[in-house]
Amino acid sequence: KLLDWGEEGHRSEAEIATLRAAFTQEVVVWHKLDHPNVTKFIGATMGSSELNLQTENGHIGMPSNVCCVVVEYCPGGALKSYLIKNRRRKLAFKVVVQLALDLAR
């Protein structure tokens, strides 16, 4: 997960401070979570210009206004992706019930 709070000059210092605080709070909460239905937190960085991502064409550096959260790999993908992928068709009742039960835990 990447959070980009915009290019310099496009957000006020107060907006950036609010975004940084929200990011920090999310990281603190996620770090403490231990639940079978929530991906495991691995690490996070805030505003590190030393962060490089490997791509098919080499490495790209991230700008200093980007935050990154690293979590475990989910082979089935994210719930949001699943719902978007299946938005045109009606989900089976069994699937809907299972999703509801998993979310309620």
PDB file of N, CA and C in Angstrom:
ATOM      1  N   LYS A   1       0.855  -1.168   0.000  1.00  0.00           N
ATOM      2  CA  LYS A   1       0.000   0.000   0.000  1.00  0.00           C
ATOM      3  C   LYS A   1       0.898   1.228   0.000  1.00  0.00           C
ATOM      4  N   LEU A   2       0.652   2.126  -0.928  1.00  0.00           N
ATOM      5  CA  LEU A   2       1.405   3.373  -0.994  1.00  0.00           C
ATOM      6  C   LEU A   2       0.472   4.543  -0.730  1.00  0.00           C
ATOM      7  N   LEU A   3       0.958   5.508   0.005  1.00  0.00           N
ATOM      8  CA  LEU A   3       0.217   6.743   0.250  1.00  0.00           C
ATOM      9  C   LEU A   3       1.071   7.895  -0.246  1.00  0.00           C
ATOM     10  N   ASP A   4       0.555   8.611  -1.209  1.00  0.00           N
ATOM     11  CA  ASP A   4       1.256   9.772  -1.756  1.00  0.00           C
ATOM     12  C   ASP A   4       0.448  10.999  -1.384  1.00  0.00           C
ATOM     13  N   TRP A   5       1.003  11.866  -0.564  1.00  0.00           N
ATOM     14  CA  TRP A   5       0.231  13.028  -0.133  1.00  0.00           C
ATOM     15  C   TRP A   5       0.459  14.236  -1.009  1.00  0.00           C
ATOM     16  N   GLY A   6       0.847  14.010  -2.236  1.00  0.00           N
ATOM     17  CA  GLY A   6       0.891  15.080  -3.226  1.00  0.00           C
ATOM     18  C   GLY A   6       2.240  15.741  -3.365  1.00  0.00           C
ATOM     19  N   GLU A   7       2.388  16.416  -4.482  1.00  0.00           N
ATOM     20  CA  GLU A   7       3.621  17.130  -4.752  1.00  0.00           C
ATOM     21  C   GLU A   7       3.742  18.325  -3.823  1.00  0.00           C
ATOM     22  N   GLU A   8       4.986  18.735  -3.614  1.00  0.00           N
ATOM     23  CA  GLU A   8       5.227  19.892  -2.755  1.00  0.00           C
ATOM     24  C   GLU A   8       4.453  21.094  -3.276  1.00  0.00           C
ATOM     25  N   GLY A   9       3.854  21.825  -2.362  1.00  0.00           N
ATOM     26  CA  GLY A   9       3.110  23.013  -2.733  1.00  0.00           C
ATOM     27  C   GLY A   9       1.644  22.766  -3.026  1.00  0.00           C
ATOM     28  N   HIS A  10       1.233  21.488  -3.133  1.00  0.00           N
ATOM     29  CA  HIS A  10      -0.157  21.178  -3.458  1.00  0.00           C
ATOM     30  C   HIS A  10      -1.004  20.918  -2.216  1.00  0.00           C
ATOM     31  N   ARG A  11      -0.364  20.741  -1.087  1.00  0.00           N
ATOM     32  CA  ARG A  11      -1.081  20.536   0.173  1.00  0.00           C
ATOM     33  C   ARG A  11      -0.474  21.473   1.214  1.00  0.00           C
ATOM     34  N   SER A  12      -1.300  21.888   2.131  1.00  0.00           N
ATOM     35  CA  SER A  12      -0.800  22.754   3.199  1.00  0.00           C
ATOM     36  C   SER A  12      -0.035  21.914   4.218  1.00  0.00           C
ATOM     37  N   GLU A  13       0.753  22.573   5.032  1.00  0.00           N
ATOM     38  CA  GLU A  13       1.493  21.877   6.087  1.00  0.00           C
ATOM     39  C   GLU A  13       0.524  21.174   7.042  1.00  0.00           C
ATOM     40  N   ALA A  14      -0.615  21.804   7.309  1.00  0.00           N
ATOM     41  CA  ALA A  14      -1.616  21.201   8.200  1.00  0.00           C
ATOM     42  C   ALA A  14      -2.189  19.924   7.593  1.00  0.00           C
ATOM     43  N   GLU A  15      -2.460  19.942   6.285  1.00  0.00           N
ATOM     44  CA  GLU A  15      -2.983  18.742   5.614  1.00  0.00           C
ATOM     45  C   GLU A  15      -1.953  17.618   5.651  1.00  0.00           C
ATOM     46  N   ILE A  16      -0.703  17.947   5.396  1.00  0.00           N
ATOM     47  CA  ILE A  16       0.358  16.936   5.417  1.00  0.00           C
ATOM     48  C   ILE A  16       0.520  16.377   6.827  1.00  0.00           C
ATOM     49  N   ALA A  17       0.468  17.232   7.840  1.00  0.00           N
ATOM     50  CA  ALA A  17       0.572  16.770   9.227  1.00  0.00           C
ATOM     51  C   ALA A  17      -0.577  15.832   9.573  1.00  0.00           C
ATOM     52  N   THR A  18      -1.775  16.142   9.100  1.00  0.00           N
ATOM     53  CA  THR A  18      -2.939  15.285   9.338  1.00  0.00           C
ATOM     54  C   THR A  18      -2.762  13.935   8.657  1.00  0.00           C
ATOM     55  N   LEU A  19      -2.282  13.940   7.419  1.00  0.00           N
ATOM     56  CA  LEU A  19      -2.048  12.688   6.695  1.00  0.00           C
ATOM     57  C   LEU A  19      -0.967  11.850   7.372  1.00  0.00           C
ATOM     58  N   ARG A  20       0.103  12.492   7.808  1.00  0.00           N
ATOM     59  CA  ARG A  20       1.173  11.768   8.512  1.00  0.00           C
ATOM     60  C   ARG A  20       0.644  11.136   9.802  1.00  0.00           C
ATOM     61  N   ALA A  21      -0.159  11.878  10.548  1.00  0.00           N
ATOM     62  CA  ALA A  21      -0.720  11.355  11.797  1.00  0.00           C
ATOM     63  C   ALA A  21      -1.652  10.177  11.522  1.00  0.00           C
ATOM     64  N   ALA A  22      -2.477  10.281  10.484  1.00  0.00           N
ATOM     65  CA  ALA A  22      -3.386   9.181  10.125  1.00  0.00           C
ATOM     66  C   ALA A  22      -2.599   7.952   9.694  1.00  0.00           C
ATOM     67  N   PHE A  23      -1.543   8.163   8.912  1.00  0.00           N
ATOM     68  CA  PHE A  23      -0.704   7.048   8.466  1.00  0.00           C
ATOM     69  C   PHE A  23      -0.053   6.372   9.671  1.00  0.00           C
ATOM     70  N   THR A  24       0.506   7.169  10.567  1.00  0.00           N
ATOM     71  CA  THR A  24       1.156   6.623  11.758  1.00  0.00           C
ATOM     72  C   THR A  24       0.163   5.840  12.605  1.00  0.00           C
ATOM     73  N   GLN A  25      -1.043   6.366  12.768  1.00  0.00           N
ATOM     74  CA  GLN A  25      -2.068   5.671  13.551  1.00  0.00           C
ATOM     75  C   GLN A  25      -2.438   4.337  12.898  1.00  0.00           C
ATOM     76  N   GLU A  26      -2.591   4.329  11.574  1.00  0.00           N
ATOM     77  CA  GLU A  26      -2.919   3.086  10.878  1.00  0.00           C
ATOM     78  C   GLU A  26      -1.817   2.051  11.071  1.00  0.00           C
ATOM     79  N   VAL A  27      -0.567   2.478  10.979  1.00  0.00           N
ATOM     80  CA  VAL A  27       0.562   1.564  11.151  1.00  0.00           C
ATOM     81  C   VAL A  27       0.591   1.002  12.570  1.00  0.00           C
ATOM     82  N   VAL A  28       0.386   1.844  13.565  1.00  0.00           N
ATOM     83  CA  VAL A  28       0.398   1.394  14.960  1.00  0.00           C
ATOM     84  C   VAL A  28      -0.698   0.358  15.197  1.00  0.00           C
ATOM     85  N   VAL A  29      -1.898   0.633  14.708  1.00  0.00           N
ATOM     86  CA  VAL A  29      -3.018  -0.301  14.893  1.00  0.00           C
ATOM     87  C   VAL A  29      -2.750  -1.603  14.152  1.00  0.00           C
ATOM     88  N   TRP A  30      -2.325  -1.505  12.899  1.00  0.00           N
ATOM     89  CA  TRP A  30      -2.089  -2.697  12.084  1.00  0.00           C
ATOM     90  C   TRP A  30      -0.989  -3.560  12.694  1.00  0.00           C
ATOM     91  N   HIS A  31       0.043  -2.927  13.251  1.00  0.00           N
ATOM     92  CA  HIS A  31       1.151  -3.659  13.867  1.00  0.00           C
ATOM     93  C   HIS A  31       0.669  -4.503  15.042  1.00  0.00           C
ATOM     94  N   LYS A  32      -0.321  -4.012  15.770  1.00  0.00           N
ATOM     95  CA  LYS A  32      -0.837  -4.717  16.950  1.00  0.00           C
ATOM     96  C   LYS A  32      -1.862  -5.792  16.601  1.00  0.00           C
ATOM     97  N   LEU A  33      -2.426  -5.739  15.400  1.00  0.00           N
ATOM     98  CA  LEU A  33      -3.479  -6.683  15.022  1.00  0.00           C
ATOM     99  C   LEU A  33      -2.935  -8.092  14.820  1.00  0.00           C
ATOM    100  N   ASP A  34      -3.660  -9.044  15.340  1.00  0.00           N
ATOM    101  CA  ASP A  34      -3.350 -10.453  15.104  1.00  0.00           C
ATOM    102  C   ASP A  34      -4.686 -11.166  14.929  1.00  0.00           C
ATOM    103  N   HIS A  35      -5.139 -11.245  13.691  1.00  0.00           N
ATOM    104  CA  HIS A  35      -6.446 -11.822  13.389  1.00  0.00           C
ATOM    105  C   HIS A  35      -6.329 -12.624  12.098  1.00  0.00           C
ATOM    106  N   PRO A  36      -6.967 -13.788  12.028  1.00  0.00           N
ATOM    107  CA  PRO A  36      -6.849 -14.621  10.825  1.00  0.00           C
ATOM    108  C   PRO A  36      -7.421 -13.981   9.564  1.00  0.00           C
ATOM    109  N   ASN A  37      -8.290 -12.992   9.699  1.00  0.00           N
ATOM    110  CA  ASN A  37      -8.895 -12.362   8.523  1.00  0.00           C
ATOM    111  C   ASN A  37      -8.259 -11.023   8.159  1.00  0.00           C
ATOM    112  N   VAL A  38      -7.146 -10.693   8.801  1.00  0.00           N
ATOM    113  CA  VAL A  38      -6.434  -9.445   8.508  1.00  0.00           C
ATOM    114  C   VAL A  38      -5.002  -9.800   8.128  1.00  0.00           C
ATOM    115  N   THR A  39      -4.534  -9.226   7.012  1.00  0.00           N
ATOM    116  CA  THR A  39      -3.164  -9.515   6.578  1.00  0.00           C
ATOM    117  C   THR A  39      -2.171  -9.087   7.652  1.00  0.00           C
ATOM    118  N   LYS A  40      -1.097  -9.859   7.769  1.00  0.00           N
ATOM    119  CA  LYS A  40      -0.070  -9.579   8.771  1.00  0.00           C
ATOM    120  C   LYS A  40       0.780  -8.390   8.339  1.00  0.00           C
ATOM    121  N   PHE A  41       1.014  -7.487   9.255  1.00  0.00           N
ATOM    122  CA  PHE A  41       1.854  -6.313   9.031  1.00  0.00           C
ATOM    123  C   PHE A  41       3.312  -6.752   9.031  1.00  0.00           C
ATOM    124  N   ILE A  42       4.076  -6.303   8.051  1.00  0.00           N
ATOM    125  CA  ILE A  42       5.502  -6.620   7.988  1.00  0.00           C
ATOM    126  C   ILE A  42       6.345  -5.394   8.304  1.00  0.00           C
ATOM    127  N   GLY A  43       6.007  -4.263   7.727  1.00  0.00           N
ATOM    128  CA  GLY A  43       6.784  -3.056   7.992  1.00  0.00           C
ATOM    129  C   GLY A  43       6.191  -1.849   7.297  1.00  0.00           C
ATOM    130  N   ALA A  44       6.789  -0.691   7.573  1.00  0.00           N
ATOM    131  CA  ALA A  44       6.315   0.554   6.967  1.00  0.00           C
ATOM    132  C   ALA A  44       7.460   1.549   6.907  1.00  0.00           C
ATOM    133  N   THR A  45       7.332   2.490   6.000  1.00  0.00           N
ATOM    134  CA  THR A  45       8.289   3.586   5.908  1.00  0.00           C
ATOM    135  C   THR A  45       7.529   4.861   5.576  1.00  0.00           C
ATOM    136  N   MET A  46       8.044   5.963   6.069  1.00  0.00           N
ATOM    137  CA  MET A  46       7.400   7.248   5.817  1.00  0.00           C
ATOM    138  C   MET A  46       8.442   8.221   5.270  1.00  0.00           C
ATOM    139  N   GLY A  47       8.227   8.630   4.027  1.00  0.00           N
ATOM    140  CA  GLY A  47       9.078   9.655   3.437  1.00  0.00           C
ATOM    141  C   GLY A  47      10.524   9.265   3.263  1.00  0.00           C
ATOM    142  N   SER A  48      10.796   8.020   2.926  1.00  0.00           N
ATOM    143  CA  SER A  48      12.168   7.570   2.735  1.00  0.00           C
ATOM    144  C   SER A  48      12.556   7.667   1.270  1.00  0.00           C
ATOM    145  N   SER A  49      13.546   8.485   0.971  1.00  0.00           N
ATOM    146  CA  SER A  49      14.013   8.603  -0.413  1.00  0.00           C
ATOM    147  C   SER A  49      14.897   7.421  -0.793  1.00  0.00           C
ATOM    148  N   GLU A  50      15.227   6.563   0.176  1.00  0.00           N
ATOM    149  CA  GLU A  50      16.063   5.397  -0.091  1.00  0.00           C
ATOM    150  C   GLU A  50      15.240   4.188  -0.536  1.00  0.00           C
ATOM    151  N   LEU A  51      13.933   4.320  -0.589  1.00  0.00           N
ATOM    152  CA  LEU A  51      13.058   3.220  -0.973  1.00  0.00           C
ATOM    153  C   LEU A  51      13.104   3.022  -2.480  1.00  0.00           C
ATOM    154  N   ASN A  52      13.439   1.815  -2.907  1.00  0.00           N
ATOM    155  CA  ASN A  52      13.480   1.476  -4.323  1.00  0.00           C
ATOM    156  C   ASN A  52      12.597   0.271  -4.572  1.00  0.00           C
ATOM    157  N   LEU A  53      11.821   0.320  -5.637  1.00  0.00           N
ATOM    158  CA  LEU A  53      10.970  -0.796  -6.025  1.00  0.00           C
ATOM    159  C   LEU A  53      11.518  -1.421  -7.292  1.00  0.00           C
ATOM    160  N   GLN A  54      11.554  -2.743  -7.316  1.00  0.00           N
ATOM    161  CA  GLN A  54      12.034  -3.435  -8.504  1.00  0.00           C
ATOM    162  C   GLN A  54      10.882  -3.595  -9.482  1.00  0.00           C
ATOM    163  N   THR A  55      11.142  -3.261 -10.739  1.00  0.00           N
ATOM    164  CA  THR A  55      10.157  -3.412 -11.801  1.00  0.00           C
ATOM    165  C   THR A  55      10.752  -4.296 -12.883  1.00  0.00           C
ATOM    166  N   GLU A  56       9.970  -4.587 -13.897  1.00  0.00           N
ATOM    167  CA  GLU A  56      10.473  -5.396 -15.007  1.00  0.00           C
ATOM    168  C   GLU A  56      11.618  -4.701 -15.727  1.00  0.00           C
ATOM    169  N   ASN A  57      11.629  -3.374 -15.699  1.00  0.00           N
ATOM    170  CA  ASN A  57      12.648  -2.593 -16.406  1.00  0.00           C
ATOM    171  C   ASN A  57      13.768  -2.113 -15.495  1.00  0.00           C
ATOM    172  N   GLY A  58      13.855  -2.601 -14.297  1.00  0.00           N
ATOM    173  CA  GLY A  58      14.894  -2.176 -13.370  1.00  0.00           C
ATOM    174  C   GLY A  58      14.316  -1.712 -12.052  1.00  0.00           C
ATOM    175  N   HIS A  59      14.942  -0.703 -11.467  1.00  0.00           N
ATOM    176  CA  HIS A  59      14.513  -0.170 -10.175  1.00  0.00           C
ATOM    177  C   HIS A  59      14.023   1.258 -10.347  1.00  0.00           C
ATOM    178  N   ILE A  60      13.034   1.617  -9.546  1.00  0.00           N
ATOM    179  CA  ILE A  60      12.597   3.011  -9.513  1.00  0.00           C
ATOM    180  C   ILE A  60      12.633   3.485  -8.069  1.00  0.00           C
ATOM    181  N   GLY A  61      13.067   4.700  -7.873  1.00  0.00           N
ATOM    182  CA  GLY A  61      13.088   5.288  -6.542  1.00  0.00           C
ATOM    183  C   GLY A  61      11.758   5.954  -6.256  1.00  0.00           C
ATOM    184  N   MET A  62      11.422   6.020  -4.996  1.00  0.00           N
ATOM    185  CA  MET A  62      10.173   6.657  -4.600  1.00  0.00           C
ATOM    186  C   MET A  62      10.471   8.070  -4.105  1.00  0.00           C
ATOM    187  N   PRO A  63       9.610   9.019  -4.424  1.00  0.00           N
ATOM    188  CA  PRO A  63       9.811  10.381  -3.917  1.00  0.00           C
ATOM    189  C   PRO A  63       9.649  10.429  -2.402  1.00  0.00           C
ATOM    190  N   SER A  64      10.181  11.461  -1.784  1.00  0.00           N
ATOM    191  CA  SER A  64      10.174  11.558  -0.323  1.00  0.00           C
ATOM    192  C   SER A  64       8.787  11.804   0.259  1.00  0.00           C
ATOM    193  N   ASN A  65       7.793  12.097  -0.575  1.00  0.00           N
ATOM    194  CA  ASN A  65       6.441  12.341  -0.059  1.00  0.00           C
ATOM    195  C   ASN A  65       5.561  11.096  -0.140  1.00  0.00           C
ATOM    196  N   VAL A  66       6.167   9.927  -0.234  1.00  0.00           N
ATOM    197  CA  VAL A  66       5.413   8.676  -0.336  1.00  0.00           C
ATOM    198  C   VAL A  66       5.631   7.844   0.923  1.00  0.00           C
ATOM    199  N   CYS A  67       4.551   7.287   1.439  1.00  0.00           N
ATOM    200  CA  CYS A  67       4.617   6.342   2.550  1.00  0.00           C
ATOM    201  C   CYS A  67       4.277   4.959   2.011  1.00  0.00           C
ATOM    202  N   CYS A  68       4.816   3.948   2.642  1.00  0.00           N
ATOM    203  CA  CYS A  68       4.609   2.586   2.160  1.00  0.00           C
ATOM    204  C   CYS A  68       4.355   1.658   3.341  1.00  0.00           C
ATOM    205  N   VAL A  69       3.369   0.766   3.187  1.00  0.00           N
ATOM    206  CA  VAL A  69       3.095  -0.282   4.161  1.00  0.00           C
ATOM    207  C   VAL A  69       3.297  -1.614   3.455  1.00  0.00           C
ATOM    208  N   VAL A  70       4.030  -2.510   4.096  1.00  0.00           N
ATOM    209  CA  VAL A  70       4.266  -3.840   3.538  1.00  0.00           C
ATOM    210  C   VAL A  70       3.536  -4.852   4.409  1.00  0.00           C
ATOM    211  N   VAL A  71       2.717  -5.685   3.764  1.00  0.00           N
ATOM    212  CA  VAL A  71       1.966  -6.721   4.468  1.00  0.00           C
ATOM    213  C   VAL A  71       2.203  -8.056   3.776  1.00  0.00           C
ATOM    214  N   GLU A  72       1.778  -9.124   4.426  1.00  0.00           N
ATOM    215  CA  GLU A  72       1.966 -10.446   3.850  1.00  0.00           C
ATOM    216  C   GLU A  72       1.241 -10.564   2.511  1.00  0.00           C
ATOM    217  N   TYR A  73       1.736 -11.461   1.676  1.00  0.00           N
ATOM    218  CA  TYR A  73       1.129 -11.712   0.372  1.00  0.00           C
ATOM    219  C   TYR A  73      -0.138 -12.536   0.552  1.00  0.00           C
ATOM    220  N   CYS A  74      -1.197 -12.131  -0.109  1.00  0.00           N
ATOM    221  CA  CYS A  74      -2.470 -12.861  -0.081  1.00  0.00           C
ATOM    222  C   CYS A  74      -2.689 -13.475  -1.457  1.00  0.00           C
ATOM    223  N   PRO A  75      -2.497 -14.786  -1.601  1.00  0.00           N
ATOM    224  CA  PRO A  75      -2.613 -15.404  -2.928  1.00  0.00           C
ATOM    225  C   PRO A  75      -3.992 -15.252  -3.552  1.00  0.00           C
ATOM    226  N   GLY A  76      -5.032 -15.121  -2.745  1.00  0.00           N
ATOM    227  CA  GLY A  76      -6.380 -14.947  -3.282  1.00  0.00           C
ATOM    228  C   GLY A  76      -6.698 -13.509  -3.646  1.00  0.00           C
ATOM    229  N   GLY A  77      -5.828 -12.596  -3.268  1.00  0.00           N
ATOM    230  CA  GLY A  77      -6.059 -11.185  -3.549  1.00  0.00           C
ATOM    231  C   GLY A  77      -6.867 -10.511  -2.456  1.00  0.00           C
ATOM    232  N   ALA A  78      -7.101  -9.238  -2.635  1.00  0.00           N
ATOM    233  CA  ALA A  78      -7.837  -8.441  -1.654  1.00  0.00           C
ATOM    234  C   ALA A  78      -9.342  -8.549  -1.886  1.00  0.00           C
ATOM    235  N   LEU A  79     -10.109  -8.379  -0.825  1.00  0.00           N
ATOM    236  CA  LEU A  79     -11.570  -8.419  -0.921  1.00  0.00           C
ATOM    237  C   LEU A  79     -12.067  -7.363  -1.903  1.00  0.00           C
ATOM    238  N   LYS A  80     -11.498  -6.177  -1.847  1.00  0.00           N
ATOM    239  CA  LYS A  80     -11.908  -5.098  -2.752  1.00  0.00           C
ATOM    240  C   LYS A  80     -11.729  -5.524  -4.208  1.00  0.00           C
ATOM    241  N   SER A  81     -10.601  -6.129  -4.532  1.00  0.00           N
ATOM    242  CA  SER A  81     -10.354  -6.589  -5.905  1.00  0.00           C
ATOM    243  C   SER A  81     -11.359  -7.656  -6.317  1.00  0.00           C
ATOM    244  N   TYR A  82     -11.654  -8.566  -5.389  1.00  0.00           N
ATOM    245  CA  TYR A  82     -12.623  -9.630  -5.662  1.00  0.00           C
ATOM    246  C   TYR A  82     -13.999  -9.046  -5.963  1.00  0.00           C
ATOM    247  N   LEU A  83     -14.421  -8.086  -5.135  1.00  0.00           N
ATOM    248  CA  LEU A  83     -15.743  -7.481  -5.331  1.00  0.00           C
ATOM    249  C   LEU A  83     -15.812  -6.676  -6.624  1.00  0.00           C
ATOM    250  N   ILE A  84     -14.754  -5.966  -6.956  1.00  0.00           N
ATOM    251  CA  ILE A  84     -14.728  -5.206  -8.211  1.00  0.00           C
ATOM    252  C   ILE A  84     -14.760  -6.156  -9.400  1.00  0.00           C
ATOM    253  N   LYS A  85     -13.989  -7.220  -9.316  1.00  0.00           N
ATOM    254  CA  LYS A  85     -13.935  -8.206 -10.404  1.00  0.00           C
ATOM    255  C   LYS A  85     -15.299  -8.861 -10.629  1.00  0.00           C
ATOM    256  N   ASN A  86     -16.056  -9.049  -9.567  1.00  0.00           N
ATOM    257  CA  ASN A  86     -17.347  -9.740  -9.653  1.00  0.00           C
ATOM    258  C   ASN A  86     -18.543  -8.802  -9.553  1.00  0.00           C
ATOM    259  N   ARG A  87     -18.353  -7.516  -9.796  1.00  0.00           N
ATOM    260  CA  ARG A  87     -19.437  -6.545  -9.598  1.00  0.00           C
ATOM    261  C   ARG A  87     -20.582  -6.710 -10.585  1.00  0.00           C
ATOM    262  N   ARG A  88     -20.354  -7.296 -11.724  1.00  0.00           N
ATOM    263  CA  ARG A  88     -21.392  -7.425 -12.748  1.00  0.00           C
ATOM    264  C   ARG A  88     -22.288  -8.650 -12.542  1.00  0.00           C
ATOM    265  N   ARG A  89     -21.857  -9.558 -11.669  1.00  0.00           N
ATOM    266  CA  ARG A  89     -22.681 -10.746 -11.455  1.00  0.00           C
ATOM    267  C   ARG A  89     -23.055 -10.870  -9.981  1.00  0.00           C
ATOM    268  N   LYS A  90     -24.145 -11.521  -9.753  1.00  0.00           N
ATOM    269  CA  LYS A  90     -24.640 -11.715  -8.394  1.00  0.00           C
ATOM    270  C   LYS A  90     -23.809 -12.808  -7.725  1.00  0.00           C
ATOM    271  N   LEU A  91     -23.299 -12.516  -6.533  1.00  0.00           N
ATOM    272  CA  LEU A  91     -22.527 -13.510  -5.795  1.00  0.00           C
ATOM    273  C   LEU A  91     -23.461 -14.563  -5.217  1.00  0.00           C
ATOM    274  N   ALA A  92     -22.976 -15.782  -5.164  1.00  0.00           N
ATOM    275  CA  ALA A  92     -23.754 -16.874  -4.590  1.00  0.00           C
ATOM    276  C   ALA A  92     -24.053 -16.574  -3.118  1.00  0.00           C
ATOM    277  N   PHE A  93     -25.224 -16.985  -2.673  1.00  0.00           N
ATOM    278  CA  PHE A  93     -25.638 -16.745  -1.293  1.00  0.00           C
ATOM    279  C   PHE A  93     -24.602 -17.288  -0.313  1.00  0.00           C
ATOM    280  N   LYS A  94     -24.056 -18.464  -0.595  1.00  0.00           N
ATOM    281  CA  LYS A  94     -23.054 -19.089   0.269  1.00  0.00           C
ATOM    282  C   LYS A  94     -21.816 -18.196   0.396  1.00  0.00           C
ATOM    283  N   VAL A  95     -21.401 -17.584  -0.704  1.00  0.00           N
ATOM    284  CA  VAL A  95     -20.236 -16.691  -0.698  1.00  0.00           C
ATOM    285  C   VAL A  95     -20.538 -15.442   0.131  1.00  0.00           C
ATOM    286  N   VAL A  96     -21.720 -14.874  -0.047  1.00  0.00           N
ATOM    287  CA  VAL A  96     -22.111 -13.673   0.700  1.00  0.00           C
ATOM    288  C   VAL A  96     -22.140 -13.964   2.199  1.00  0.00           C
ATOM    289  N   VAL A  97     -22.711 -15.097   2.579  1.00  0.00           N
ATOM    290  CA  VAL A  97     -22.778 -15.470   3.994  1.00  0.00           C
ATOM    291  C   VAL A  97     -21.372 -15.668   4.554  1.00  0.00           C
ATOM    292  N   GLN A  98     -20.500 -16.340   3.796  1.00  0.00           N
ATOM    293  CA  GLN A  98     -19.131 -16.567   4.267  1.00  0.00           C
ATOM    294  C   GLN A  98     -18.377 -15.249   4.429  1.00  0.00           C
ATOM    295  N   LEU A  99     -18.547 -14.334   3.482  1.00  0.00           N
ATOM    296  CA  LEU A  99     -17.912 -13.017   3.600  1.00  0.00           C
ATOM    297  C   LEU A  99     -18.413 -12.288   4.847  1.00  0.00           C
ATOM    298  N   ALA A 100     -19.712 -12.330   5.078  1.00  0.00           N
ATOM    299  CA  ALA A 100     -20.295 -11.667   6.248  1.00  0.00           C
ATOM    300  C   ALA A 100     -19.757 -12.269   7.549  1.00  0.00           C
ATOM    301  N   LEU A 101     -19.672 -13.592   7.601  1.00  0.00           N
ATOM    302  CA  LEU A 101     -19.142 -14.250   8.799  1.00  0.00           C
ATOM    303  C   LEU A 101     -17.675 -13.895   9.020  1.00  0.00           C
ATOM    304  N   ASP A 102     -16.890 -13.891   7.946  1.00  0.00           N
ATOM    305  CA  ASP A 102     -15.466 -13.548   8.060  1.00  0.00           C
ATOM    306  C   ASP A 102     -15.276 -12.107   8.520  1.00  0.00           C
ATOM    307  N   LEU A 103     -16.107 -11.204   8.015  1.00  0.00           N
ATOM    308  CA  LEU A 103     -16.008  -9.799   8.411  1.00  0.00           C
ATOM    309  C   LEU A 103     -16.438  -9.587   9.858  1.00  0.00           C
ATOM    310  N   ALA A 104     -17.368 -10.413  10.333  1.00  0.00           N
ATOM    311  CA  ALA A 104     -17.893 -10.249  11.688  1.00  0.00           C
ATOM    312  C   ALA A 104     -16.938 -10.773  12.759  1.00  0.00           C
ATOM    313  N   ARG A 105     -15.999 -11.596  12.379  1.00  0.00           N
ATOM    314  CA  ARG A 105     -15.074 -12.176  13.375  1.00  0.00           C
ATOM    315  C   ARG A 105     -14.107 -11.162  13.906  1.00  0.00           C
TER     316      ARG A 105
END
